[in-house]
Amino acid sequence: MTKLLLSIHVLVAVMFIGPVTVAASLFPRFARQALLPAGAPGAASTAQDAAGQAGAARGTAAGEVTAAGDGGREAAVAARTAESPARDAEPAGTTGIASAAETVRSIASVMLLHRISRVYAVLSVAVPAFGLLTAQQMGVMGDTWLIASMVLTVVAAILLGIAVLGYQDAVVTLLEDEERDAGAMRAMAARLPKLGMVTGLFSLTWAVVVVLMVVRPGSTTGA
């Protein structure tokens, strides 16, 4: 029974913690690409260029709606975001800003990564649940390494549930808001490095938990 519970514990950790860690780590990069073209200075050199990009984005979004079906919401939000340079564009700026088509893809990626993060964050509750069942079966509930792992798991859950997902919600809400302005987009993009740092701490916390589970310092089982 112990081996079965341990196997399930390891499997759910790989299947649920892995995806949420990867999705949360990729989110800041795609969020920056989605936010800056519409809000950063120099996002469009002229209103005419911005209008042309918006037209291309509408065509791309329409194609995505036809091909994806369920992706209609993401494509619609992306099309609105691509149109915003015509409304929010500031005077002449630098070159190399992502094209409207790239903005559409970035918006869709942001929505997908956010959805993965939320879904797998809920599913990952099964990891500590099976971990506690396994520990009880092994008779190690009072071991120091297990207590430390439980504390770190709680810390990781707080980082993910409050900090990481909370900021992702703010980004997605802003991208869906048709009344957003360039200042809000710039301010949100400026906070992305902090999100990356918090996400790194979340990943590091889980890495330490894995090491504790493998090494099990002070284990009373003799394994």
Protein backbone atom coordinates (compact mmCIF):
# COMPACT_ATOMS: atom_id res chain seq x y z
CA MET A 1 0.00 0.00 0.00
CA THR A 2 2.87 2.35 0.82
CA LYS A 3 4.46 1.85 -2.60
CA LEU A 4 1.13 2.50 -4.32
CA LEU A 5 0.53 5.73 -2.43
CA LEU A 6 4.11 6.85 -3.01
CA SER A 7 3.81 6.14 -6.73
CA ILE A 8 0.59 8.14 -6.97
CA HIS A 9 2.17 10.97 -4.99
CA VAL A 10 5.12 11.17 -7.38
CA LEU A 11 2.92 10.91 -10.48
CA VAL A 12 0.54 13.70 -9.47
CA ALA A 13 3.51 15.89 -8.54
CA VAL A 14 5.00 15.44 -12.01
CA MET A 15 1.69 15.85 -13.85
CA PHE A 16 0.31 18.83 -11.89
CA ILE A 17 3.22 20.78 -10.37
CA GLY A 18 5.29 20.58 -13.55
CA PRO A 19 2.78 22.26 -15.89
CA VAL A 20 1.88 25.06 -13.48
CA THR A 21 5.57 25.80 -12.88
CA VAL A 22 6.35 25.99 -16.61
CA ALA A 23 3.23 28.04 -17.42
CA ALA A 24 3.87 30.51 -14.60
CA SER A 25 7.50 30.90 -15.69
CA LEU A 26 6.57 31.65 -19.32
CA PHE A 27 3.75 34.05 -18.46
CA PRO A 28 5.86 37.21 -17.80
CA ARG A 29 7.61 37.01 -21.18
CA PHE A 30 4.41 36.73 -23.21
CA ALA A 31 2.65 39.29 -20.99
CA ARG A 32 5.41 41.80 -21.76
CA GLN A 33 5.00 41.21 -25.49
CA ALA A 34 1.25 41.68 -25.16
CA LEU A 35 1.42 44.83 -23.04
CA LEU A 36 4.26 46.86 -24.50
CA PRO A 37 3.17 47.14 -28.16
CA ALA A 38 0.01 48.93 -27.07
CA GLY A 39 1.37 50.90 -24.15
CA ALA A 40 5.07 51.59 -24.61
CA PRO A 41 6.30 54.86 -26.12
CA GLY A 42 7.06 54.40 -29.80
CA ALA A 43 4.64 51.52 -30.17
CA ALA A 44 3.51 53.02 -33.47
CA SER A 45 5.17 55.79 -35.40
CA THR A 46 1.99 57.08 -36.97
CA ALA A 47 -1.74 56.52 -36.62
CA GLN A 48 -1.78 55.27 -40.21
CA ASP A 49 0.71 52.50 -39.43
CA ALA A 50 -1.26 51.57 -36.34
CA ALA A 51 -4.49 51.38 -38.33
CA GLY A 52 -2.81 49.09 -40.85
CA GLN A 53 -1.58 46.82 -38.05
CA ALA A 54 -5.06 46.75 -36.55
CA GLY A 55 -6.52 45.65 -39.88
CA ALA A 56 -4.00 42.82 -40.12
CA ALA A 57 -4.77 41.80 -36.56
CA ARG A 58 -8.51 41.70 -37.26
CA GLY A 59 -7.89 39.38 -40.20
CA THR A 60 -5.62 37.15 -38.13
CA ALA A 61 -8.10 37.07 -35.24
CA ALA A 62 -10.95 36.17 -37.60
CA GLY A 63 -8.92 33.28 -38.97
CA GLU A 64 -8.17 32.07 -35.45
CA VAL A 65 -11.85 32.17 -34.52
CA THR A 66 -12.73 30.05 -37.55
CA ALA A 67 -9.93 27.56 -36.92
CA ALA A 68 -10.02 27.37 -33.13
CA GLY A 69 -13.68 27.54 -32.16
CA ASP A 70 -13.14 27.64 -28.39
CA GLY A 71 -10.36 30.19 -28.88
CA GLY A 72 -12.83 32.88 -29.99
CA ARG A 73 -12.59 34.75 -26.71
CA GLU A 74 -8.80 34.97 -26.86
CA ALA A 75 -8.85 36.03 -30.52
CA ALA A 76 -11.45 38.73 -29.86
CA VAL A 77 -9.43 40.16 -26.97
CA ALA A 78 -6.30 40.01 -29.13
CA ALA A 79 -8.00 41.89 -31.94
CA ARG A 80 -9.11 44.64 -29.55
CA THR A 81 -5.59 44.90 -28.14
CA ALA A 82 -4.08 45.13 -31.62
CA GLU A 83 -6.45 48.01 -32.42
CA SER A 84 -5.39 49.97 -29.35
CA PRO A 85 -2.15 51.36 -30.89
CA ALA A 86 -4.31 53.45 -33.21
CA ARG A 87 -6.04 54.89 -30.15
CA ASP A 88 -3.15 55.05 -27.68
CA ALA A 89 -0.14 55.52 -29.98
CA GLU A 90 2.29 58.22 -28.98
CA PRO A 91 4.59 60.22 -31.26
CA ALA A 92 7.58 58.78 -33.09
CA GLY A 93 9.50 56.05 -31.32
CA THR A 94 11.92 53.23 -31.81
CA THR A 95 11.76 50.43 -34.31
CA GLY A 96 11.56 46.71 -33.59
CA ILE A 97 8.20 46.73 -31.76
CA ALA A 98 6.29 43.48 -32.23
CA SER A 99 3.96 43.45 -35.21
CA ALA A 100 0.20 43.24 -34.83
CA ALA A 101 0.25 39.54 -35.71
CA GLU A 102 2.84 38.88 -33.01
CA THR A 103 0.71 40.81 -30.54
CA VAL A 104 -2.26 38.60 -31.39
CA ARG A 105 -0.19 35.48 -30.72
CA SER A 106 1.16 36.94 -27.48
CA ILE A 107 -2.35 37.73 -26.22
CA ALA A 108 -3.53 34.22 -27.04
CA SER A 109 -0.47 32.77 -25.26
CA VAL A 110 -1.13 34.90 -22.17
CA MET A 111 -4.72 33.66 -21.98
CA LEU A 112 -3.66 30.03 -22.43
CA LEU A 113 -0.86 30.20 -19.84
CA HIS A 114 -3.20 31.86 -17.35
CA ARG A 115 -5.79 29.13 -17.84
CA ILE A 116 -3.17 26.39 -17.42
CA SER A 117 -1.84 28.05 -14.26
CA ARG A 118 -5.28 28.28 -12.66
CA VAL A 119 -6.43 24.77 -13.57
CA TYR A 120 -3.25 23.00 -12.54
CA ALA A 121 -2.97 25.09 -9.37
CA VAL A 122 -6.27 23.57 -8.26
CA LEU A 123 -5.29 20.06 -9.34
CA SER A 124 -1.96 20.32 -7.52
CA VAL A 125 -3.82 20.18 -4.19
CA ALA A 126 -3.73 16.41 -4.73
CA VAL A 127 0.07 16.43 -4.31
CA PRO A 128 0.24 17.26 -0.57
CA ALA A 129 -2.92 15.22 0.02
CA PHE A 130 -1.31 12.02 -1.27
CA GLY A 131 1.94 13.05 0.40
CA LEU A 132 0.31 13.12 3.82
CA LEU A 133 -1.38 9.78 3.20
CA THR A 134 1.96 8.29 2.21
CA ALA A 135 3.72 9.76 5.25
CA GLN A 136 1.05 8.42 7.56
CA GLN A 137 1.37 4.99 6.03
CA MET A 138 5.15 5.13 6.48
CA GLY A 139 4.88 6.38 10.07
CA VAL A 140 7.02 9.50 9.52
CA MET A 141 4.51 12.21 10.37
CA GLY A 142 6.74 13.55 13.14
CA ASP A 143 10.00 13.59 11.17
CA THR A 144 11.73 16.94 10.79
CA TRP A 145 12.17 16.62 7.03
CA LEU A 146 8.45 16.04 6.55
CA ILE A 147 7.46 18.98 8.74
CA ALA A 148 9.88 21.22 6.81
CA SER A 149 8.41 19.96 3.53
CA MET A 150 4.87 20.71 4.72
CA VAL A 151 5.84 24.26 5.73
CA LEU A 152 7.51 24.89 2.37
CA THR A 153 4.47 23.47 0.57
CA VAL A 154 2.26 25.98 2.35
CA VAL A 155 4.67 28.78 1.39
CA ALA A 156 4.60 27.64 -2.25
CA ALA A 157 0.81 27.53 -2.21
CA ILE A 158 0.63 31.10 -0.87
CA LEU A 159 3.09 32.36 -3.47
CA LEU A 160 1.14 30.69 -6.27
CA GLY A 161 -2.39 31.41 -5.12
CA ILE A 162 -1.97 35.00 -3.97
CA ALA A 163 1.07 36.49 -5.71
CA VAL A 164 1.44 34.65 -9.03
CA LEU A 165 -2.21 34.02 -9.92
CA GLY A 166 -3.25 37.38 -8.46
CA TYR A 167 -0.90 39.26 -10.77
CA GLN A 168 -1.87 37.10 -13.74
CA ASP A 169 -5.52 37.94 -13.08
CA ALA A 170 -4.65 41.65 -13.12
CA VAL A 171 -2.84 41.33 -16.46
CA VAL A 172 -5.66 39.38 -18.09
CA THR A 173 -8.29 41.79 -16.74
CA LEU A 174 -6.38 44.74 -18.19
CA LEU A 175 -6.02 43.09 -21.60
CA GLU A 176 -9.76 42.41 -21.66
CA ASP A 177 -10.64 45.98 -20.72
CA GLU A 178 -11.62 48.00 -23.79
CA GLU A 179 -11.20 51.27 -21.84
CA ARG A 180 -7.60 50.67 -20.77
CA ASP A 181 -5.07 53.43 -21.45
CA ALA A 182 -1.41 53.47 -22.37
CA GLY A 183 -0.34 54.51 -18.88
CA ALA A 184 -1.99 51.48 -17.29
CA MET A 185 -0.34 49.20 -19.84
CA ARG A 186 3.09 50.67 -19.12
CA ALA A 187 2.57 50.44 -15.36
CA MET A 188 1.53 46.80 -15.60
CA ALA A 189 4.49 45.93 -17.81
CA ALA A 190 6.84 47.60 -15.32
CA ARG A 191 5.70 45.16 -12.63
CA LEU A 192 6.48 42.06 -14.67
CA PRO A 193 10.05 41.65 -13.31
CA LYS A 194 8.57 41.37 -9.82
CA LEU A 195 6.20 38.67 -11.07
CA GLY A 196 9.17 36.81 -12.55
CA MET A 197 10.98 36.99 -9.21
CA VAL A 198 7.99 35.66 -7.28
CA THR A 199 7.53 32.87 -9.81
CA GLY A 200 11.20 31.96 -9.40
CA LEU A 201 10.76 31.76 -5.63
CA PHE A 202 7.76 29.48 -6.14
CA SER A 203 9.81 27.16 -8.36
CA LEU A 204 12.75 27.21 -5.94
CA THR A 205 10.48 26.32 -3.04
CA TRP A 206 9.22 23.25 -4.85
CA ALA A 207 12.77 22.29 -5.79
CA VAL A 208 13.76 22.33 -2.11
CA VAL A 209 10.71 20.20 -1.25
CA VAL A 210 11.77 17.64 -3.87
CA VAL A 211 15.29 17.50 -2.41
CA LEU A 212 13.89 16.98 1.09
CA MET A 213 11.65 14.19 -0.16
CA VAL A 214 14.58 12.40 -1.77
CA VAL A 215 17.30 12.98 0.84
CA ARG A 216 14.98 12.81 3.89
CA PRO A 217 17.52 14.06 6.44
CA GLY A 218 17.01 12.48 9.85
CA SER A 219 14.57 9.91 8.47
CA THR A 220 13.43 7.29 10.97
CA THR A 221 12.62 4.74 8.27
CA GLY A 222 16.22 3.84 7.57
CA ALA A 223 15.67 4.46 3.82
